[in-house]
Amino acid sequence: MTPFVERRRRLLGQIGSGSVAVLFAAPEQRRSNDTFFPYRQNSYFHYLTGFPEPESVLVLDGSAQAAVLFCRDKDDVSEIWEGFRYGADAAREAFGMDAAYSIASWREQMPKILQNAQRLLVLPEEGGAAGQALVRHWQKIKNGAAVENLAACLDGMRLIKDRHETDLLKTAGEISAAAHIRAMQKTRPDISELHIEAELLHEFMRRGARFPAYPSIVAGGKNACCLHYTANNDTLRNGDLLLVDAGAEYQGYAGDITRTFPVNGRFGGAQKDLYEVVLAANEAAIAAVKPGAAWAGIQQTALNILARGMVDFKLLAGTVEGNIESGAFKRYYMHGLGHWVGLDVHDTGGRPAVLQAGMCTTVEPGIYIAAAADIPACFHNIGIRVEDNVLVTESGCENYTAAAPKSVAAIEETMRG
């Protein structure tokens, strides 16, 4: 049984008899005139089908406990221009559907499927005009009955990764780590941030990941103090740090690693002092990840270390506890410790109070110090983040991006080549 068939079976069991769930494939996105961006499937749709084509609809019939796919027809002319299409018969066989039909027939068949249903579950905002028409039809035939949010079922499923997912996530992590090593080895003063982005893409692609999981951040010097800097068009300067936040997408699953390292291959004194604080927060937080651990407590562990460093280096006055209580630390650390990672780089699932085996989170503390009159000059324009991807296991956790060097000694050795 493929993982997609098993996930559909589980979801059908959740929604039960009398319920119908409908999911729409992602539309193609126009880039300009008659050219389109490379196609990426909707993450929920991929999770349940593995089907890679647009113009498709998945219908889960709880009463029949059946999965029905509507997809594009085989078309010899279109395939000459745009590539292979499965067509309904091949799609049913290849993706383990109970039935598959032409997308041209779905509007005709849906009223029959919905006629005896008591519940309709969809993903809000998905499906465009077709999704809106489906909801209107449902409310018309059911006297204004509400449509339920299918994400309430799916997000909990996606939060706990199955073996198929963790294998793909680990591969995405391995590819991402190799790309960060290449970035370190290729970095030197007076080249562009864009050059390093190109090195990352080179490594992603040669290892089988055509696309990054998100726009890469290659931020030298002061640019690292902008959390989502993606211009990547500045020149790398001798004596600056370079923050690289980049991850590969492998078969739909995201890697998400951040490493910070010296452009010239050697950490300066103040750079090293601050880096060791952030690294200590990263490592202490990872060590605390295990089933049953409270995420709030893990965040607090990292924050205590970061705030202690801010006080020790006189970036903040007063006590560690006082600066945490007042929120003064947010001047230099203004984001959370991490997020789920999976089919989406910022994956679904909310943030439950305690961790469970199968959850996959980033751990990414940081310190960002823009130049200011009240800050010692040696700390000006330093942005540091250290981010790993961590799988919660039955006995603790696995940091599956650890191959990307992050100790001062390991980074400097890697950069020496």
Protein backbone atom coordinates (compact mmCIF):
# COMPACT_ATOMS: atom_id res chain seq x y z
CA MET A 1 0.00 0.00 0.00
CA THR A 2 1.51 3.33 -1.03
CA PRO A 3 1.71 6.08 1.59
CA PHE A 4 -0.83 8.09 -0.39
CA VAL A 5 -3.40 5.27 -0.35
CA GLU A 6 -2.84 4.79 3.38
CA ARG A 7 -3.31 8.51 4.08
CA ARG A 8 -6.54 8.55 2.10
CA ARG A 9 -7.75 5.52 4.00
CA ARG A 10 -7.04 7.22 7.32
CA LEU A 11 -8.77 10.42 6.25
CA LEU A 12 -11.83 8.55 4.97
CA GLY A 13 -12.04 6.87 8.35
CA GLN A 14 -11.93 10.25 10.08
CA ILE A 15 -14.65 11.92 8.02
CA GLY A 16 -16.91 8.87 8.15
CA SER A 17 -20.14 7.90 6.45
CA GLY A 18 -22.30 10.71 5.11
CA SER A 19 -19.32 13.00 4.48
CA VAL A 20 -17.67 14.12 1.27
CA ALA A 21 -14.26 15.84 1.10
CA VAL A 22 -13.12 17.70 -2.02
CA LEU A 23 -9.59 18.90 -2.76
CA PHE A 24 -8.38 20.85 -5.79
CA ALA A 25 -5.00 20.66 -7.47
CA ALA A 26 -2.97 23.86 -7.59
CA PRO A 27 -3.55 26.00 -10.67
CA GLU A 28 -0.74 26.82 -13.05
CA GLN A 29 0.73 30.27 -12.36
CA ARG A 30 1.41 32.62 -15.26
CA ARG A 31 4.84 34.24 -15.27
CA SER A 32 4.39 36.51 -18.29
CA ASN A 33 2.30 36.51 -21.45
CA ASP A 34 2.26 32.86 -22.53
CA THR A 35 4.93 31.49 -20.16
CA PHE A 36 4.28 29.90 -16.79
CA PHE A 37 6.22 29.29 -13.61
CA PRO A 38 7.37 25.68 -13.10
CA TYR A 39 4.41 23.80 -11.69
CA ARG A 40 4.23 22.87 -8.03
CA GLN A 41 1.34 20.83 -6.70
CA ASN A 42 -0.78 22.01 -3.77
CA SER A 43 0.77 20.49 -0.64
CA TYR A 44 -2.47 19.02 0.71
CA PHE A 45 -3.33 17.55 -2.70
CA HIS A 46 0.14 16.04 -3.03
CA TYR A 47 -0.04 14.62 0.50
CA LEU A 48 -3.13 12.61 -0.39
CA THR A 49 -2.47 11.74 -4.02
CA GLY A 50 1.12 12.16 -5.18
CA PHE A 51 -0.51 13.24 -8.45
CA PRO A 52 1.62 15.88 -10.21
CA GLU A 53 -0.81 17.50 -12.66
CA PRO A 54 -2.97 20.64 -12.54
CA GLU A 55 -6.66 20.73 -13.47
CA SER A 56 -7.44 17.86 -11.11
CA VAL A 57 -9.92 17.25 -8.29
CA LEU A 58 -9.86 14.59 -5.56
CA VAL A 59 -13.21 13.52 -4.09
CA LEU A 60 -13.28 11.38 -0.93
CA ASP A 61 -16.67 9.73 -0.42
CA GLY A 62 -17.03 8.74 3.23
CA SER A 63 -20.11 6.59 2.66
CA ALA A 64 -18.48 4.55 -0.09
CA GLN A 65 -15.03 4.82 1.58
CA ALA A 66 -13.75 5.59 -1.90
CA ALA A 67 -11.25 8.00 -3.48
CA VAL A 68 -12.18 9.39 -6.88
CA LEU A 69 -9.81 11.43 -9.05
CA PHE A 70 -10.89 13.76 -11.85
CA CYS A 71 -8.00 14.71 -14.13
CA ARG A 72 -7.05 15.85 -17.62
CA ASP A 73 -7.60 13.53 -20.58
CA LYS A 74 -4.78 12.06 -22.59
CA ASP A 75 -4.09 14.45 -25.46
CA ASP A 76 -1.48 13.63 -28.10
CA VAL A 77 -1.18 17.20 -29.34
CA SER A 78 -0.81 18.73 -25.88
CA GLU A 79 1.74 16.10 -24.94
CA ILE A 80 3.88 17.04 -27.95
CA TRP A 81 4.06 20.62 -26.68
CA GLU A 82 3.86 20.27 -22.90
CA GLY A 83 4.78 16.73 -21.94
CA PHE A 84 3.20 13.56 -20.59
CA ARG A 85 -0.33 13.38 -19.18
CA TYR A 86 -1.60 10.36 -17.29
CA GLY A 87 -5.25 10.43 -18.29
CA ALA A 88 -7.92 8.88 -16.08
CA ASP A 89 -7.22 5.18 -16.66
CA ALA A 90 -3.47 5.35 -16.08
CA ALA A 91 -3.92 7.71 -13.11
CA ARG A 92 -6.34 5.31 -11.40
CA GLU A 93 -3.84 2.49 -11.72
CA ALA A 94 -0.68 4.44 -10.91
CA PHE A 95 -2.03 6.31 -7.88
CA GLY A 96 -4.27 3.65 -6.38
CA MET A 97 -7.57 5.44 -6.87
CA ASP A 98 -10.88 3.62 -6.54
CA ALA A 99 -12.06 5.42 -9.66
CA ALA A 100 -10.85 8.14 -12.03
CA TYR A 101 -12.66 10.20 -14.63
CA SER A 102 -12.10 13.06 -17.02
CA ILE A 103 -12.05 16.47 -15.38
CA ALA A 104 -14.64 17.46 -17.96
CA SER A 105 -17.19 15.27 -16.15
CA TRP A 106 -16.72 16.37 -12.56
CA ARG A 107 -19.33 19.13 -12.56
CA GLU A 108 -21.86 16.62 -13.87
CA GLN A 109 -20.95 13.93 -11.31
CA MET A 110 -20.59 16.07 -8.18
CA PRO A 111 -24.35 16.71 -7.66
CA LYS A 112 -24.89 12.94 -7.62
CA ILE A 113 -22.09 12.45 -5.08
CA LEU A 114 -23.37 15.27 -2.85
CA GLN A 115 -27.04 14.40 -3.07
CA ASN A 116 -27.14 12.12 -0.01
CA ALA A 117 -24.22 13.64 1.91
CA GLN A 118 -24.67 15.32 5.28
CA ARG A 119 -21.26 17.03 5.42
CA LEU A 120 -19.02 18.71 2.86
CA LEU A 121 -15.40 19.34 3.78
CA VAL A 122 -13.11 21.56 1.70
CA LEU A 123 -10.00 23.68 2.13
CA PRO A 124 -11.11 27.34 2.33
CA GLU A 125 -9.71 29.60 -0.39
CA GLU A 126 -8.76 26.60 -2.56
CA GLY A 127 -10.19 25.77 -5.97
CA GLY A 128 -10.84 29.28 -7.27
CA ALA A 129 -14.08 29.71 -9.18
CA ALA A 130 -14.71 25.96 -9.21
CA GLY A 131 -14.41 25.79 -5.44
CA GLN A 132 -16.76 28.72 -4.98
CA ALA A 133 -19.30 27.13 -7.33
CA LEU A 134 -19.11 23.89 -5.35
CA VAL A 135 -19.85 25.69 -2.08
CA ARG A 136 -22.76 27.60 -3.62
CA HIS A 137 -24.26 24.37 -4.96
CA TRP A 138 -23.92 22.70 -1.56
CA GLN A 139 -25.60 25.56 0.25
CA LYS A 140 -28.36 25.62 -2.33
CA ILE A 141 -29.24 21.93 -2.05
CA LYS A 142 -28.71 21.78 1.74
CA ASN A 143 -30.60 24.93 2.70
CA GLY A 144 -27.53 27.01 3.54
CA ALA A 145 -25.68 24.30 5.46
CA ALA A 146 -22.15 25.23 6.46
CA VAL A 147 -19.10 23.85 4.72
CA GLU A 148 -16.47 22.43 7.08
CA ASN A 149 -12.73 23.06 6.97
CA LEU A 150 -10.89 19.93 5.91
CA ALA A 151 -7.65 21.32 7.33
CA ALA A 152 -8.96 20.46 10.80
CA CYS A 153 -8.45 16.81 9.87
CA LEU A 154 -5.45 17.08 7.58
CA ASP A 155 -3.23 19.36 9.65
CA GLY A 156 -3.06 16.86 12.49
CA MET A 157 -2.13 14.11 10.04
CA ARG A 158 0.56 16.21 8.38
CA LEU A 159 2.01 17.22 11.74
CA ILE A 160 3.10 13.64 12.52
CA LYS A 161 5.33 12.51 9.67
CA ASP A 162 5.19 8.93 8.41
CA ARG A 163 8.28 6.95 7.38
CA HIS A 164 7.93 7.95 3.73
CA GLU A 165 7.98 11.61 4.73
CA THR A 166 10.89 11.38 7.13
CA ASP A 167 12.98 9.61 4.49
CA LEU A 168 12.32 12.46 2.03
CA LEU A 169 12.92 15.12 4.67
CA LYS A 170 16.26 13.57 5.56
CA THR A 171 17.27 13.53 1.91
CA ALA A 172 16.25 17.19 1.58
CA GLY A 173 18.34 17.89 4.69
CA GLU A 174 21.36 16.03 3.33
CA ILE A 175 21.21 17.92 0.03
CA SER A 176 20.79 21.23 1.86
CA ALA A 177 23.75 20.49 4.15
CA ALA A 178 25.96 19.68 1.17
CA ALA A 179 24.98 22.98 -0.43
CA HIS A 180 25.94 24.90 2.72
CA ILE A 181 29.33 23.20 2.73
CA ARG A 182 29.81 24.25 -0.89
CA ALA A 183 28.79 27.82 -0.01
CA MET A 184 31.40 27.94 2.75
CA GLN A 185 34.10 26.59 0.45
CA LYS A 186 33.31 29.09 -2.32
CA THR A 187 32.94 32.21 -0.16
CA ARG A 188 35.66 34.87 -0.30
CA PRO A 189 35.82 38.67 -0.18
CA ASP A 190 34.80 40.79 -3.17
CA ILE A 191 32.42 38.33 -4.81
CA SER A 192 28.66 38.85 -4.90
CA GLU A 193 25.99 37.33 -2.70
CA LEU A 194 24.39 36.18 -5.94
CA HIS A 195 27.51 34.11 -6.68
CA ILE A 196 26.94 32.15 -3.47
CA GLU A 197 23.26 31.72 -4.26
CA ALA A 198 24.33 30.20 -7.58
CA GLU A 199 26.64 27.77 -5.76
CA LEU A 200 23.72 26.67 -3.56
CA LEU A 201 21.50 26.07 -6.58
CA HIS A 202 24.29 24.17 -8.30
CA GLU A 203 24.54 21.73 -5.41
CA PHE A 204 20.78 21.37 -5.04
CA MET A 205 20.35 20.50 -8.70
CA ARG A 206 23.28 18.15 -9.09
CA ARG A 207 21.93 16.14 -6.15
CA GLY A 208 18.43 15.86 -7.58
CA ALA A 209 16.60 18.84 -6.09
CA ARG A 210 15.72 21.17 -8.94
CA PHE A 211 14.32 23.98 -6.80
CA PRO A 212 14.99 25.61 -3.45
CA ALA A 213 12.26 25.19 -0.85
CA TYR A 214 12.05 29.00 -0.52
CA PRO A 215 13.98 32.03 -1.80
CA SER A 216 17.52 31.71 -0.49
CA ILE A 217 18.82 34.33 1.93
CA VAL A 218 22.49 35.17 1.25
CA ALA A 219 23.11 38.14 3.50
CA GLY A 220 26.55 39.64 4.02
CA GLY A 221 27.33 42.10 6.80
CA LYS A 222 24.46 44.43 7.69
CA ASN A 223 22.12 42.63 5.31
CA ALA A 224 21.93 39.79 7.85
CA CYS A 225 20.05 42.13 10.19
CA CYS A 226 17.10 41.96 7.77
CA LEU A 227 15.43 38.67 8.62
CA HIS A 228 13.96 37.99 5.17
CA TYR A 229 16.62 39.61 2.99
CA THR A 230 16.51 38.02 -0.48
CA ALA A 231 17.93 40.69 -2.80
CA ASN A 232 21.29 38.86 -2.72
CA ASN A 233 22.90 41.58 -4.85
CA ASP A 234 25.54 43.05 -2.55
CA THR A 235 29.29 42.46 -2.51
CA LEU A 236 30.83 40.32 0.23
CA ARG A 237 33.35 42.30 2.25
CA ASN A 238 36.47 41.25 4.07
CA GLY A 239 35.83 41.18 7.82
CA ASP A 240 32.04 40.69 7.55
CA LEU A 241 29.98 37.65 8.42
CA LEU A 242 27.76 35.95 5.85
CA LEU A 243 24.39 34.53 6.90
CA VAL A 244 23.03 31.88 4.52
CA ASP A 245 19.48 30.59 5.06
CA ALA A 246 18.79 28.08 2.28
CA GLY A 247 17.22 24.68 1.78
CA ALA A 248 16.47 22.30 -1.06
CA GLU A 249 13.04 20.96 -1.93
CA TYR A 250 13.26 17.24 -2.63
CA GLN A 251 10.17 15.47 -4.02
CA GLY A 252 8.03 18.15 -2.41
CA TYR A 253 9.72 18.16 1.02
CA ALA A 254 11.72 21.09 2.36
CA GLY A 255 15.12 21.47 3.90
CA ASP A 256 15.73 24.67 5.90
CA ILE A 257 19.24 25.32 7.21
CA THR A 258 20.92 28.53 8.32
CA ARG A 259 24.64 28.88 8.85
CA THR A 260 26.63 32.03 9.58
CA PHE A 261 30.34 32.20 8.78
CA PRO A 262 33.14 34.73 8.12
CA VAL A 263 33.62 35.96 4.58
CA ASN A 264 37.40 35.72 4.94
CA GLY A 265 37.34 32.34 6.67
CA ARG A 266 38.25 33.53 10.19
CA PHE A 267 35.92 34.75 12.92
CA GLY A 268 36.88 38.04 14.54
CA GLY A 269 36.84 38.37 18.32
CA ALA A 270 33.42 39.99 18.76
CA GLN A 271 31.97 37.87 15.96
CA LYS A 272 33.19 34.70 17.63
CA ASP A 273 31.89 35.75 21.05
CA LEU A 274 28.38 36.37 19.75
CA TYR A 275 28.45 33.31 17.52
CA GLU A 276 29.26 31.05 20.44
CA VAL A 277 26.22 32.41 22.30
CA VAL A 278 23.86 31.64 19.41
CA LEU A 279 25.43 28.22 18.85
CA ALA A 280 25.03 27.38 22.55
CA ALA A 281 21.35 28.30 22.37
CA ASN A 282 20.91 26.12 19.27
CA GLU A 283 22.62 23.12 20.84
CA ALA A 284 20.86 23.40 24.20
CA ALA A 285 17.47 23.65 22.54
CA ILE A 286 18.13 20.61 20.33
CA ALA A 287 19.28 18.62 23.35
CA ALA A 288 15.93 19.35 25.02
CA VAL A 289 13.83 18.04 22.12
CA LYS A 290 12.10 14.75 22.99
CA PRO A 291 8.59 13.31 23.21
CA GLY A 292 6.60 14.96 25.98
CA ALA A 293 8.83 18.03 26.14
CA ALA A 294 7.02 21.36 26.25
CA TRP A 295 7.92 23.58 23.29
CA ALA A 296 7.54 26.66 25.50
CA GLY A 297 10.20 25.24 27.82
CA ILE A 298 12.58 24.59 24.93
CA GLN A 299 12.11 28.16 23.70
CA GLN A 300 12.82 29.41 27.21
CA THR A 301 16.04 27.40 27.35
CA ALA A 302 17.31 29.09 24.20
CA LEU A 303 16.10 32.54 25.24
CA ASN A 304 17.86 32.32 28.62
CA ILE A 305 21.19 31.67 26.86
CA LEU A 306 20.68 34.45 24.32
CA ALA A 307 19.62 36.99 26.95
CA ARG A 308 22.57 36.05 29.16
CA GLY A 309 24.89 36.77 26.23
CA MET A 310 23.23 40.12 25.56
CA VAL A 311 23.75 41.13 29.19
CA ASP A 312 27.30 39.77 29.41
CA PHE A 313 28.35 41.73 26.32
CA LYS A 314 26.58 44.86 27.60
CA LEU A 315 24.06 44.99 24.78
CA LEU A 316 21.43 45.09 27.50
CA ALA A 317 21.61 46.56 31.00
CA GLY A 318 20.10 44.92 34.07
CA THR A 319 19.40 41.27 34.76
CA VAL A 320 18.67 38.42 32.41
CA GLU A 321 15.29 37.85 34.06
CA GLY A 322 14.37 41.53 33.88
CA ASN A 323 15.22 41.81 30.19
CA ILE A 324 13.17 38.73 29.39
CA GLU A 325 10.19 39.92 31.43
CA SER A 326 10.26 43.39 29.84
CA GLY A 327 10.81 42.06 26.34
CA ALA A 328 13.95 44.18 25.93
CA PHE A 329 15.73 41.20 24.34
CA LYS A 330 13.50 41.58 21.28
CA ARG A 331 15.69 44.41 20.06
CA TYR A 332 18.22 41.73 19.08
CA TYR A 333 16.10 38.55 18.90
CA MET A 334 12.67 39.20 17.47
CA HIS A 335 11.47 35.85 16.15
CA GLY A 336 10.48 32.50 17.58
CA LEU A 337 12.76 29.52 18.02
CA GLY A 338 11.36 27.44 15.19
CA HIS A 339 8.55 26.18 13.00
CA TRP A 340 7.37 22.86 11.61
CA VAL A 341 8.94 21.74 8.36
CA GLY A 342 7.52 19.30 5.82
CA LEU A 343 5.77 19.72 2.47
CA ASP A 344 5.69 23.42 3.30
CA VAL A 345 8.83 24.99 4.67
CA HIS A 346 6.59 26.61 7.30
CA ASP A 347 4.46 23.52 7.68
CA THR A 348 0.94 23.10 8.99
CA GLY A 349 -0.18 21.84 12.38
CA GLY A 350 -0.24 24.73 14.84
CA ARG A 351 2.02 24.41 17.87
CA PRO A 352 0.80 21.77 20.36
CA ALA A 353 1.85 22.18 23.98
CA VAL A 354 4.12 19.13 23.96
CA LEU A 355 6.18 17.34 21.34
CA GLN A 356 5.37 13.91 19.91
CA ALA A 357 7.43 11.42 17.95
CA GLY A 358 7.14 12.14 14.22
CA MET A 359 7.05 15.92 14.53
CA CYS A 360 9.75 17.77 12.60
CA THR A 361 10.78 21.26 13.67
CA THR A 362 13.47 23.80 12.97
CA VAL A 363 15.59 25.13 15.83
CA GLU A 364 16.91 28.55 14.87
CA PRO A 365 17.99 31.03 17.53
CA GLY A 366 19.67 34.24 16.41
CA ILE A 367 21.07 37.63 17.35
CA TYR A 368 20.82 40.67 15.05
CA ILE A 369 22.59 43.91 15.91
CA ALA A 370 22.12 46.89 13.62
CA ALA A 371 24.55 49.77 14.03
CA ALA A 372 23.46 52.28 16.67
CA ALA A 373 25.11 54.93 18.85
CA ASP A 374 24.47 53.01 22.09
CA ILE A 375 26.07 49.77 20.85
CA PRO A 376 29.83 49.10 20.89
CA ALA A 377 31.20 49.46 17.36
CA CYS A 378 32.67 45.94 17.39
CA PHE A 379 29.09 44.55 17.34
CA HIS A 380 27.71 46.79 14.61
CA ASN A 381 25.91 45.13 11.68
CA ILE A 382 26.32 41.58 12.91
CA GLY A 383 23.49 39.15 12.20
CA ILE A 384 23.87 35.54 13.31
CA ARG A 385 21.45 32.61 13.06
CA VAL A 386 22.12 28.90 13.43
CA GLU A 387 19.29 26.68 12.20
CA ASP A 388 18.86 22.92 12.07
CA ASN A 389 16.03 20.54 11.20
CA VAL A 390 15.16 18.16 14.02
CA LEU A 391 12.93 15.09 13.98
CA VAL A 392 11.32 14.04 17.26
CA THR A 393 11.95 10.30 17.71
CA GLU A 394 10.58 7.77 20.17
CA SER A 395 13.64 8.14 22.38
CA GLY A 396 14.66 11.75 21.81
CA CYS A 397 15.47 13.51 18.56
CA GLU A 398 17.56 13.36 15.41
CA ASN A 399 19.24 16.46 14.01
CA TYR A 400 19.35 15.37 10.39
CA THR A 401 21.06 18.56 9.15
CA ALA A 402 24.06 18.19 11.47
CA ALA A 403 26.35 17.53 8.49
CA ALA A 404 26.46 21.27 7.81
CA PRO A 405 29.39 22.49 9.95
CA LYS A 406 28.49 24.86 12.77
CA SER A 407 31.24 24.93 15.37
CA VAL A 408 33.78 27.71 14.91
CA ALA A 409 36.57 25.19 14.35
CA ALA A 410 34.57 23.10 11.86
CA ILE A 411 33.50 26.15 9.85
CA GLU A 412 37.01 27.55 9.63
CA GLU A 413 38.42 24.17 8.65
CA THR A 414 35.76 23.77 5.94
CA MET A 415 36.50 27.21 4.55
CA ARG A 416 40.21 26.44 4.36
CA GLY A 417 39.21 23.64 1.96
